[in-house]
C-alpha atoms as a PDB file:
ATOM      1  CA  MET A   1     -14.030 -15.398 -15.995  1.00  0.00           C
ATOM      2  CA  LYS A   2     -13.287 -11.915 -14.730  1.00  0.00           C
ATOM      3  CA  ARG A   3      -9.732 -10.691 -14.702  1.00  0.00           C
ATOM      4  CA  TYR A   4      -8.615  -9.782 -11.191  1.00  0.00           C
ATOM      5  CA  CYS A   5      -5.546  -7.652 -10.543  1.00  0.00           C
ATOM      6  CA  PHE A   6      -3.523  -7.054  -7.404  1.00  0.00           C
ATOM      7  CA  TYR A   7      -2.543  -3.521  -6.491  1.00  0.00           C
ATOM      8  CA  GLU A   8      -0.549  -2.224  -3.581  1.00  0.00           C
ATOM      9  CA  MET A   9      -2.834  -0.749  -0.942  1.00  0.00           C
ATOM     10  CA  GLU A  10      -3.451   2.984  -1.317  1.00  0.00           C
ATOM     11  CA  GLU A  11      -5.588   5.417   0.635  1.00  0.00           C
ATOM     12  CA  LYS A  12      -8.180   5.457  -2.171  1.00  0.00           C
ATOM     13  CA  TYR A  13      -9.045   1.807  -1.419  1.00  0.00           C
ATOM     14  CA  LEU A  14      -9.500   2.274   2.332  1.00  0.00           C
ATOM     15  CA  ASP A  15     -13.306   2.668   2.350  1.00  0.00           C
ATOM     16  CA  ASP A  16     -13.792  -0.497   0.274  1.00  0.00           C
ATOM     17  CA  VAL A  17     -11.339  -2.504   2.366  1.00  0.00           C
ATOM     18  CA  LEU A  18     -13.013  -1.336   5.575  1.00  0.00           C
ATOM     19  CA  GLN A  19     -16.435  -2.320   4.222  1.00  0.00           C
ATOM     20  CA  ILE A  20     -15.210  -5.825   3.316  1.00  0.00           C
ATOM     21  CA  TYR A  21     -13.586  -6.276   6.719  1.00  0.00           C
ATOM     22  CA  MET A  22     -16.620  -5.010   8.619  1.00  0.00           C
ATOM     23  CA  TYR A  23     -18.782  -7.768   7.134  1.00  0.00           C
ATOM     24  CA  TYR A  24     -16.484 -10.299   8.836  1.00  0.00           C
ATOM     25  CA  VAL A  25     -16.267  -8.309  12.067  1.00  0.00           C
ATOM     26  CA  LEU A  26     -20.024  -8.004  12.506  1.00  0.00           C
ATOM     27  CA  ASN A  27     -21.188 -11.352  11.088  1.00  0.00           C
ATOM     28  CA  THR A  28     -18.497 -14.027  11.483  1.00  0.00           C
ATOM     29  CA  THR A  29     -15.780 -15.436  13.701  1.00  0.00           C
ATOM     30  CA  ALA A  30     -13.178 -15.053  10.935  1.00  0.00           C
ATOM     31  CA  THR A  31     -11.769 -12.113  12.889  1.00  0.00           C
ATOM     32  CA  PHE A  32     -11.820 -11.567  16.608  1.00  0.00           C
ATOM     33  CA  HIS A  33     -12.590  -7.860  16.265  1.00  0.00           C
ATOM     34  CA  SER A  34     -16.160  -7.471  17.464  1.00  0.00           C
ATOM     35  CA  ARG A  35     -17.059  -3.801  17.004  1.00  0.00           C
ATOM     36  CA  GLN A  36     -17.163  -1.275  14.182  1.00  0.00           C
ATOM     37  CA  LEU A  37     -13.668  -0.030  13.331  1.00  0.00           C
ATOM     38  CA  THR A  38     -12.891   3.535  12.317  1.00  0.00           C
ATOM     39  CA  LYS A  39     -11.008   4.418   9.161  1.00  0.00           C
ATOM     40  CA  ASP A  40      -8.007   5.333  11.310  1.00  0.00           C
ATOM     41  CA  GLU A  41      -8.055   1.920  12.989  1.00  0.00           C
ATOM     42  CA  MET A  42      -8.311   0.201   9.603  1.00  0.00           C
ATOM     43  CA  ARG A  43      -5.475   2.336   8.296  1.00  0.00           C
ATOM     44  CA  GLU A  44      -3.272   0.972  11.113  1.00  0.00           C
ATOM     45  CA  ILE A  45      -4.111  -2.592  10.031  1.00  0.00           C
ATOM     46  CA  VAL A  46      -3.382  -2.241   6.310  1.00  0.00           C
ATOM     47  CA  PHE A  47      -0.488   0.246   6.138  1.00  0.00           C
ATOM     48  CA  PHE A  48       2.974  -0.548   7.519  1.00  0.00           C
ATOM     49  CA  SER A  49       5.998   1.508   8.490  1.00  0.00           C
ATOM     50  CA  SER A  50       8.286  -1.141   6.982  1.00  0.00           C
ATOM     51  CA  GLU A  51       8.445  -1.482   3.195  1.00  0.00           C
ATOM     52  CA  LYS A  52       8.886  -5.222   3.697  1.00  0.00           C
ATOM     53  CA  TYR A  53       5.239  -5.786   4.663  1.00  0.00           C
ATOM     54  CA  LYS A  54       2.386  -5.044   2.272  1.00  0.00           C
ATOM     55  CA  THR A  55      -1.324  -5.117   1.717  1.00  0.00           C
ATOM     56  CA  PHE A  56      -2.554  -5.848  -1.792  1.00  0.00           C
ATOM     57  CA  VAL A  57      -6.103  -5.114  -2.909  1.00  0.00           C
ATOM     58  CA  ILE A  58      -7.839  -7.479  -5.308  1.00  0.00           C
ATOM     59  CA  CYS A  59      -9.703  -5.602  -8.047  1.00  0.00           C
ATOM     60  CA  ASP A  60     -11.391  -6.098 -11.367  1.00  0.00           C
ATOM     61  CA  ALA A  61     -11.931  -3.135 -13.679  1.00  0.00           C
ATOM     62  CA  ASP A  62     -14.003  -1.099 -11.235  1.00  0.00           C
ATOM     63  CA  THR A  63     -14.527  -2.998  -7.965  1.00  0.00           C
ATOM     64  CA  VAL A  64     -12.403  -3.910  -4.948  1.00  0.00           C
ATOM     65  CA  TRP A  65     -13.199  -7.572  -4.194  1.00  0.00           C
ATOM     66  CA  GLY A  66     -10.828  -8.212  -1.326  1.00  0.00           C
ATOM     67  CA  TYR A  67      -7.366  -7.799   0.043  1.00  0.00           C
ATOM     68  CA  VAL A  68      -4.420  -9.872   1.216  1.00  0.00           C
ATOM     69  CA  LEU A  69      -1.919  -8.778   3.860  1.00  0.00           C
ATOM     70  CA  LEU A  70       1.649  -9.860   4.486  1.00  0.00           C
ATOM     71  CA  THR A  71       2.425  -8.714   8.031  1.00  0.00           C
ATOM     72  CA  GLN A  72       5.104  -9.078  10.652  1.00  0.00           C
ATOM     73  CA  HIS A  73       4.831 -12.384  12.517  1.00  0.00           C
ATOM     74  CA  LYS A  74       6.685 -11.322  15.681  1.00  0.00           C
ATOM     75  CA  LYS A  75       8.739  -8.250  16.565  1.00  0.00           C
ATOM     76  CA  ARG A  76      12.051  -9.924  17.442  1.00  0.00           C
ATOM     77  CA  GLU A  77      14.768  -9.997  14.769  1.00  0.00           C
ATOM     78  CA  ALA A  78      14.984 -13.792  14.794  1.00  0.00           C
ATOM     79  CA  TYR A  79      11.562 -13.831  13.087  1.00  0.00           C
ATOM     80  CA  ASP A  80      12.501 -11.473  10.246  1.00  0.00           C
ATOM     81  CA  ALA A  81      12.222 -14.234   7.618  1.00  0.00           C
ATOM     82  CA  THR A  82       8.713 -15.201   8.784  1.00  0.00           C
ATOM     83  CA  ALA A  83       5.527 -13.322   7.924  1.00  0.00           C
ATOM     84  CA  GLU A  84       1.816 -13.762   8.475  1.00  0.00           C
ATOM     85  CA  VAL A  85      -0.700 -13.997   5.621  1.00  0.00           C
ATOM     86  CA  THR A  86      -4.291 -12.801   5.998  1.00  0.00           C
ATOM     87  CA  ILE A  87      -6.987 -12.721   3.312  1.00  0.00           C
ATOM     88  CA  TYR A  88     -10.417 -11.103   3.317  1.00  0.00           C
ATOM     89  CA  LEU A  89     -12.677 -11.388   0.271  1.00  0.00           C
ATOM     90  CA  ASN A  90     -16.046  -9.938  -0.553  1.00  0.00           C
ATOM     91  CA  LYS A  91     -18.447 -12.707   0.496  1.00  0.00           C
ATOM     92  CA  ASP A  92     -19.880 -12.844  -3.052  1.00  0.00           C
ATOM     93  CA  ILE A  93     -16.652 -14.172  -4.610  1.00  0.00           C
ATOM     94  CA  ILE A  94     -15.713 -16.819  -2.053  1.00  0.00           C
ATOM     95  CA  GLY A  95     -15.216 -20.204  -3.714  1.00  0.00           C
ATOM     96  CA  LYS A  96     -14.238 -18.804  -7.120  1.00  0.00           C
ATOM     97  CA  GLY A  97     -10.478 -19.356  -6.880  1.00  0.00           C
ATOM     98  CA  ILE A  98      -9.600 -15.789  -5.893  1.00  0.00           C
ATOM     99  CA  GLY A  99      -8.286 -16.844  -2.465  1.00  0.00           C
ATOM    100  CA  SER A 100      -5.777 -19.208  -4.085  1.00  0.00           C
ATOM    101  CA  ARG A 101      -4.697 -16.476  -6.487  1.00  0.00           C
ATOM    102  CA  ALA A 102      -4.233 -14.120  -3.535  1.00  0.00           C
ATOM    103  CA  ILE A 103      -2.055 -16.675  -1.743  1.00  0.00           C
ATOM    104  CA  GLN A 104       0.037 -17.214  -4.885  1.00  0.00           C
ATOM    105  CA  HIS A 105       0.445 -13.469  -5.335  1.00  0.00           C
ATOM    106  CA  VAL A 106       1.580 -12.841  -1.763  1.00  0.00           C
ATOM    107  CA  GLU A 107       3.871 -15.905  -1.807  1.00  0.00           C
ATOM    108  CA  ASN A 108       5.600 -14.602  -4.948  1.00  0.00           C
ATOM    109  CA  TYR A 109       6.079 -11.231  -3.271  1.00  0.00           C
ATOM    110  CA  ALA A 110       7.382 -12.934  -0.109  1.00  0.00           C
ATOM    111  CA  LYS A 111       9.900 -15.030  -2.061  1.00  0.00           C
ATOM    112  CA  ARG A 112      11.229 -11.929  -3.836  1.00  0.00           C
ATOM    113  CA  HIS A 113      11.681 -10.278  -0.438  1.00  0.00           C
ATOM    114  CA  GLU A 114      13.538 -13.223   1.101  1.00  0.00           C
ATOM    115  CA  PHE A 115      10.897 -14.566   3.450  1.00  0.00           C
ATOM    116  CA  HIS A 116      11.349 -18.208   4.401  1.00  0.00           C
ATOM    117  CA  VAL A 117       8.102 -19.137   6.192  1.00  0.00           C
ATOM    118  CA  LEU A 118       4.544 -17.872   5.918  1.00  0.00           C
ATOM    119  CA  VAL A 119       2.016 -18.400   8.716  1.00  0.00           C
ATOM    120  CA  ALA A 120      -1.777 -18.099   8.655  1.00  0.00           C
ATOM    121  CA  THR A 121      -3.685 -17.780  11.937  1.00  0.00           C
ATOM    122  CA  ILE A 122      -7.295 -18.909  11.489  1.00  0.00           C
ATOM    123  CA  CYS A 123     -10.335 -19.297  13.727  1.00  0.00           C
ATOM    124  CA  GLY A 124     -10.857 -23.029  14.237  1.00  0.00           C
ATOM    125  CA  GLN A 125     -14.469 -22.677  13.013  1.00  0.00           C
ATOM    126  CA  ASN A 126     -13.412 -21.155   9.686  1.00  0.00           C
ATOM    127  CA  GLU A 127     -13.414 -24.351   7.632  1.00  0.00           C
ATOM    128  CA  LYS A 128     -13.344 -22.542   4.278  1.00  0.00           C
ATOM    129  CA  SER A 129     -10.172 -20.671   5.185  1.00  0.00           C
ATOM    130  CA  ILE A 130      -8.572 -23.818   6.601  1.00  0.00           C
ATOM    131  CA  ARG A 131      -9.348 -25.695   3.360  1.00  0.00           C
ATOM    132  CA  LEU A 132      -7.998 -22.795   1.292  1.00  0.00           C
ATOM    133  CA  PHE A 133      -4.642 -22.808   3.042  1.00  0.00           C
ATOM    134  CA  GLU A 134      -4.392 -26.617   3.079  1.00  0.00           C
ATOM    135  CA  LYS A 135      -5.152 -26.693  -0.663  1.00  0.00           C
ATOM    136  CA  ASN A 136      -2.260 -24.273  -1.174  1.00  0.00           C
ATOM    137  CA  GLY A 137       0.320 -26.386   0.673  1.00  0.00           C
ATOM    138  CA  TYR A 138       0.060 -25.050   4.225  1.00  0.00           C
ATOM    139  CA  PHE A 139       0.107 -27.504   7.119  1.00  0.00           C
ATOM    140  CA  LYS A 140      -1.307 -27.206  10.609  1.00  0.00           C
ATOM    141  CA  CYS A 141       1.414 -26.387  13.117  1.00  0.00           C
ATOM    142  CA  ALA A 142      -0.537 -25.225  16.198  1.00  0.00           C
ATOM    143  CA  HIS A 143      -3.960 -25.355  17.816  1.00  0.00           C
ATOM    144  CA  TYR A 144      -4.873 -23.019  20.649  1.00  0.00           C
ATOM    145  CA  LYS A 145      -8.051 -23.990  22.511  1.00  0.00           C
ATOM    146  CA  GLU A 146     -10.631 -21.428  23.626  1.00  0.00           C
ATOM    147  CA  VAL A 147      -8.359 -18.387  23.325  1.00  0.00           C
ATOM    148  CA  GLY A 148     -10.988 -16.012  21.948  1.00  0.00           C
ATOM    149  CA  GLN A 149     -14.590 -15.185  22.663  1.00  0.00           C
ATOM    150  CA  LYS A 150     -17.132 -13.809  20.216  1.00  0.00           C
ATOM    151  CA  PHE A 151     -20.907 -14.070  19.884  1.00  0.00           C
ATOM    152  CA  GLY A 152     -21.052 -15.714  23.312  1.00  0.00           C
ATOM    153  CA  GLN A 153     -18.846 -18.668  22.427  1.00  0.00           C
ATOM    154  CA  MET A 154     -15.268 -19.638  23.183  1.00  0.00           C
ATOM    155  CA  LEU A 155     -13.191 -20.008  20.029  1.00  0.00           C
ATOM    156  CA  ASP A 156     -10.044 -21.868  19.058  1.00  0.00           C
ATOM    157  CA  ILE A 157      -7.404 -20.583  16.691  1.00  0.00           C
ATOM    158  CA  VAL A 158      -5.227 -22.745  14.497  1.00  0.00           C
ATOM    159  CA  ALA A 159      -1.956 -21.833  12.842  1.00  0.00           C
ATOM    160  CA  TYR A 160      -0.939 -23.078   9.414  1.00  0.00           C
ATOM    161  CA  GLN A 161       2.475 -22.587   7.876  1.00  0.00           C
ATOM    162  CA  LYS A 162       4.309 -23.071   4.618  1.00  0.00           C
ATOM    163  CA  ILE A 163       8.045 -23.033   4.009  1.00  0.00           C
ATOM    164  CA  ILE A 164       8.457 -21.107   0.761  1.00  0.00           C
ATOM    165  CA  SER A 165      12.236 -21.035   0.280  1.00  0.00           C
END
Protein backbone atom coordinates (compact mmCIF):
# COMPACT_ATOMS: atom_id res chain seq x y z
CA MET A 1 0.00 0.00 0.00
CA LYS A 2 1.28 3.45 -0.88
CA ARG A 3 2.12 5.86 1.88
CA TYR A 4 0.03 9.02 1.63
CA CYS A 5 0.97 12.19 3.48
CA PHE A 6 -1.02 15.32 4.25
CA TYR A 7 0.57 18.70 3.66
CA GLU A 8 -0.79 22.16 4.23
CA MET A 9 -1.92 23.70 0.96
CA GLU A 10 0.74 25.77 -0.80
CA GLU A 11 0.76 27.64 -4.09
CA LYS A 12 2.88 24.89 -5.69
CA TYR A 13 -0.06 22.46 -5.39
CA LEU A 14 -2.65 24.77 -6.96
CA ASP A 15 -2.49 23.38 -10.52
CA ASP A 16 -2.94 19.79 -9.30
CA VAL A 17 -5.78 20.71 -6.95
CA LEU A 18 -7.53 22.65 -9.71
CA GLN A 19 -7.20 19.69 -12.09
CA ILE A 20 -8.72 17.30 -9.52
CA TYR A 21 -11.58 19.69 -8.81
CA MET A 22 -12.30 20.33 -12.48
CA TYR A 23 -12.97 16.64 -13.07
CA TYR A 24 -15.85 16.90 -10.57
CA VAL A 25 -17.05 20.25 -11.92
CA LEU A 26 -17.28 19.07 -15.52
CA ASN A 27 -18.36 15.44 -15.02
CA THR A 28 -20.31 15.02 -11.78
CA THR A 29 -22.86 16.54 -9.43
CA ALA A 30 -20.43 16.32 -6.49
CA THR A 31 -20.02 20.09 -6.77
CA PHE A 32 -22.52 22.61 -7.99
CA HIS A 33 -19.90 24.61 -9.89
CA SER A 34 -20.65 24.01 -13.55
CA ARG A 35 -17.97 25.86 -15.52
CA GLN A 36 -14.19 25.90 -15.74
CA LEU A 37 -12.66 27.78 -12.81
CA THR A 38 -9.58 29.97 -13.09
CA LYS A 39 -6.55 29.56 -10.87
CA ASP A 40 -7.55 32.75 -9.06
CA GLU A 41 -11.02 31.37 -8.36
CA MET A 42 -9.53 28.11 -7.09
CA ARG A 43 -7.10 30.05 -4.94
CA GLU A 44 -10.08 31.73 -3.23
CA ILE A 45 -11.55 28.29 -2.45
CA VAL A 46 -8.46 26.68 -0.93
CA PHE A 47 -6.67 29.54 0.84
CA PHE A 48 -8.16 31.32 3.87
CA SER A 49 -7.52 34.62 5.61
CA SER A 50 -8.01 32.93 8.99
CA GLU A 51 -5.31 30.56 10.26
CA LYS A 52 -8.09 28.48 11.83
CA TYR A 53 -9.27 27.06 8.49
CA LYS A 54 -7.02 24.93 6.30
CA THR A 55 -6.73 22.93 3.14
CA PHE A 56 -4.53 19.84 3.22
CA VAL A 57 -3.28 18.14 0.07
CA ILE A 58 -2.99 14.36 -0.03
CA CYS A 59 0.27 13.23 -1.64
CA ASP A 60 2.46 10.22 -2.10
CA ALA A 61 6.12 10.66 -3.01
CA ASP A 62 5.51 12.57 -6.23
CA THR A 63 1.77 12.95 -6.90
CA VAL A 64 -1.09 15.02 -5.48
CA TRP A 65 -4.03 12.60 -5.11
CA GLY A 66 -6.59 14.88 -3.52
CA TYR A 67 -7.29 17.47 -0.91
CA VAL A 68 -9.46 18.03 2.15
CA LEU A 69 -10.73 21.42 3.31
CA LEU A 70 -11.82 22.60 6.73
CA THR A 71 -13.79 25.79 6.09
CA GLN A 72 -15.98 28.25 7.93
CA HIS A 73 -19.53 26.96 8.34
CA LYS A 74 -21.24 30.34 8.80
CA LYS A 75 -19.91 33.86 9.34
CA ARG A 76 -21.58 34.67 12.67
CA GLU A 77 -19.51 34.25 15.84
CA ALA A 78 -21.96 31.77 17.36
CA TYR A 79 -20.75 29.24 14.75
CA ASP A 80 -17.04 29.61 15.52
CA ALA A 81 -16.79 26.07 16.93
CA THR A 82 -18.39 24.55 13.81
CA ALA A 83 -16.59 23.94 10.51
CA GLU A 84 -17.38 22.33 7.19
CA VAL A 85 -15.40 19.41 5.76
CA THR A 86 -15.00 18.87 2.02
CA ILE A 87 -12.95 16.18 0.28
CA TYR A 88 -11.99 15.79 -3.37
CA LEU A 89 -9.89 12.83 -4.49
CA ASN A 90 -8.40 11.86 -7.81
CA LYS A 91 -11.03 9.53 -9.28
CA ASP A 92 -8.43 6.74 -9.58
CA ILE A 93 -8.01 6.33 -5.80
CA ILE A 94 -11.65 6.43 -4.71
CA GLY A 95 -12.53 3.36 -2.64
CA LYS A 96 -9.00 2.76 -1.35
CA GLY A 97 -9.45 4.17 2.16
CA ILE A 98 -7.91 7.57 1.44
CA GLY A 99 -11.18 9.42 2.08
CA SER A 100 -11.40 7.96 5.59
CA ARG A 101 -7.78 8.90 6.25
CA ALA A 102 -8.53 12.43 5.06
CA ILE A 103 -11.49 12.69 7.43
CA GLN A 104 -9.38 11.40 10.33
CA HIS A 105 -6.62 13.88 9.51
CA VAL A 106 -8.94 16.89 9.37
CA GLU A 107 -10.81 15.77 12.51
CA ASN A 108 -7.53 15.58 14.44
CA TYR A 109 -6.65 19.08 13.25
CA ALA A 110 -10.14 20.33 14.17
CA LYS A 111 -9.92 18.86 17.69
CA ARG A 112 -6.55 20.53 18.27
CA HIS A 113 -8.09 23.83 17.20
CA GLU A 114 -11.11 23.53 19.49
CA PHE A 115 -13.84 22.83 16.96
CA HIS A 116 -16.89 21.09 18.39
CA VAL A 117 -18.93 20.08 15.32
CA LEU A 118 -17.99 19.22 11.75
CA VAL A 119 -20.53 19.39 8.92
CA ALA A 120 -20.38 17.90 5.42
CA THR A 121 -22.74 19.20 2.73
CA ILE A 122 -23.20 16.58 -0.01
CA CYS A 123 -25.23 16.29 -3.20
CA GLY A 124 -28.02 13.81 -2.50
CA GLN A 125 -26.94 11.76 -5.54
CA ASN A 126 -23.39 11.32 -4.24
CA GLU A 127 -23.86 7.93 -2.58
CA LYS A 128 -20.12 7.24 -2.26
CA SER A 129 -19.55 10.44 -0.31
CA ILE A 130 -22.62 9.81 1.86
CA ARG A 131 -21.35 6.30 2.67
CA LEU A 132 -17.87 7.67 3.42
CA PHE A 133 -19.15 10.15 5.98
CA GLU A 134 -21.61 7.67 7.52
CA LYS A 135 -18.80 5.11 7.86
CA ASN A 136 -16.80 7.73 9.75
CA GLY A 137 -19.51 8.49 12.32
CA TYR A 138 -21.39 11.36 10.67
CA PHE A 139 -25.18 11.39 10.81
CA LYS A 140 -27.70 13.02 8.51
CA CYS A 141 -29.04 16.23 10.00
CA ALA A 142 -30.70 17.97 7.03
CA HIS A 143 -32.11 17.33 3.57
CA TYR A 144 -32.81 20.18 1.18
CA LYS A 145 -34.93 19.21 -1.83
CA GLU A 146 -34.20 20.48 -5.34
CA VAL A 147 -31.97 23.38 -4.28
CA GLY A 148 -29.45 23.05 -7.11
CA GLN A 149 -29.55 22.46 -10.82
CA LYS A 150 -26.85 20.86 -12.94
CA PHE A 151 -26.85 18.83 -16.15
CA GLY A 152 -30.53 19.65 -16.62
CA GLN A 153 -31.70 18.08 -13.37
CA MET A 154 -32.82 19.42 -10.02
CA LEU A 155 -30.59 18.23 -7.19
CA ASP A 156 -30.96 17.77 -3.45
CA ILE A 157 -28.26 18.43 -0.90
CA VAL A 158 -27.92 16.62 2.40
CA ALA A 159 -25.99 17.71 5.46
CA TYR A 160 -24.13 15.30 7.71
CA GLN A 161 -22.56 16.24 11.02
CA LYS A 162 -20.33 14.81 13.70
CA ILE A 163 -19.75 16.11 17.21
CA ILE A 164 -16.02 15.72 17.76
CA SER A 165 -15.52 17.14 21.26
